[in-house]
C-alpha atoms as a PDB file:
ATOM      1  CA  VAL A   1      -0.008  -0.057   0.026  1.00  0.00           C
ATOM      2  CA  SER A   2       2.768   2.378   0.905  1.00  0.00           C
ATOM      3  CA  HIS A   3       6.530   2.523   0.690  1.00  0.00           C
ATOM      4  CA  HIS A   4       7.217   5.284   3.232  1.00  0.00           C
ATOM      5  CA  PRO A   5       6.104   4.190   5.867  1.00  0.00           C
ATOM      6  CA  ALA A   6       6.084   0.593   4.709  1.00  0.00           C
ATOM      7  CA  VAL A   7       2.559  -0.753   4.959  1.00  0.00           C
ATOM      8  CA  SER A   8       1.177  -4.020   3.517  1.00  0.00           C
ATOM      9  CA  ALA A   9      -2.531  -4.725   3.210  1.00  0.00           C
ATOM     10  CA  LEU A  10      -4.833  -7.630   2.345  1.00  0.00           C
ATOM     11  CA  HIS A  11      -8.567  -7.761   1.630  1.00  0.00           C
ATOM     12  CA  ALA A  12     -10.303 -11.054   1.101  1.00  0.00           C
ATOM     13  CA  THR A  13     -13.961 -12.048   0.905  1.00  0.00           C
ATOM     14  CA  ASP A  14     -15.959 -15.306   0.763  1.00  0.00           C
ATOM     15  CA  GLU A  15     -19.388 -14.326  -0.336  1.00  0.00           C
ATOM     16  CA  LYS A  16     -20.742 -17.900   0.014  1.00  0.00           C
ATOM     17  CA  GLU A  17     -19.779 -18.032   3.763  1.00  0.00           C
ATOM     18  CA  ASN A  18     -20.318 -14.275   4.244  1.00  0.00           C
ATOM     19  CA  ILE A  19     -16.767 -13.713   5.416  1.00  0.00           C
ATOM     20  CA  GLU A  20     -14.707 -10.585   4.926  1.00  0.00           C
ATOM     21  CA  ILE A  21     -11.082 -10.042   6.092  1.00  0.00           C
ATOM     22  CA  ILE A  22      -9.324  -6.665   6.086  1.00  0.00           C
ATOM     23  CA  TRP A  23      -5.763  -6.874   7.234  1.00  0.00           C
ATOM     24  CA  CYS A  24      -2.762  -4.550   7.224  1.00  0.00           C
ATOM     25  CA  GLN A  25       0.648  -4.670   8.830  1.00  0.00           C
ATOM     26  CA  TYR A  26       3.503  -2.244   9.241  1.00  0.00           C
ATOM     27  CA  PRO A  27       7.069  -2.955  10.532  1.00  0.00           C
ATOM     28  CA  PHE A  28       8.657  -0.960  13.280  1.00  0.00           C
ATOM     29  CA  ALA A  29      12.186  -0.982  14.611  1.00  0.00           C
ATOM     30  CA  LYS A  30      13.060  -1.863  18.168  1.00  0.00           C
ATOM     31  CA  PHE A  31      16.426  -1.015  19.567  1.00  0.00           C
ATOM     32  CA  ASN A  32      17.412  -3.088  22.601  1.00  0.00           C
ATOM     33  CA  GLY A  33      20.875  -1.845  23.579  1.00  0.00           C
ATOM     34  CA  GLN A  34      23.097  -3.936  21.432  1.00  0.00           C
ATOM     35  CA  TYR A  35      20.885  -4.851  18.511  1.00  0.00           C
ATOM     36  CA  LEU A  36      18.097  -3.587  16.290  1.00  0.00           C
ATOM     37  CA  SER A  37      15.204  -5.808  15.333  1.00  0.00           C
ATOM     38  CA  SER A  38      12.258  -5.232  13.054  1.00  0.00           C
ATOM     39  CA  LEU A  39       8.897  -6.250  14.336  1.00  0.00           C
ATOM     40  CA  LEU A  40       5.546  -6.541  12.572  1.00  0.00           C
ATOM     41  CA  ASN A  41       2.485  -4.868  13.970  1.00  0.00           C
ATOM     42  CA  PRO A  42      -0.549  -6.483  12.389  1.00  0.00           C
ATOM     43  CA  LEU A  43      -3.981  -4.970  12.479  1.00  0.00           C
ATOM     44  CA  THR A  44      -7.027  -7.081  11.718  1.00  0.00           C
ATOM     45  CA  VAL A  45     -10.469  -5.587  11.339  1.00  0.00           C
END
């Protein structure tokens, strides 16, 4: 969806079962003293 900030999104539907999924995630950096890690923060609606 976006490059800056990096955001990914997904939209899926199953009309037969009446299911709709809207999902997006964005990574964020976490610095823990000696190392840097990238974590994903998912959001499901």
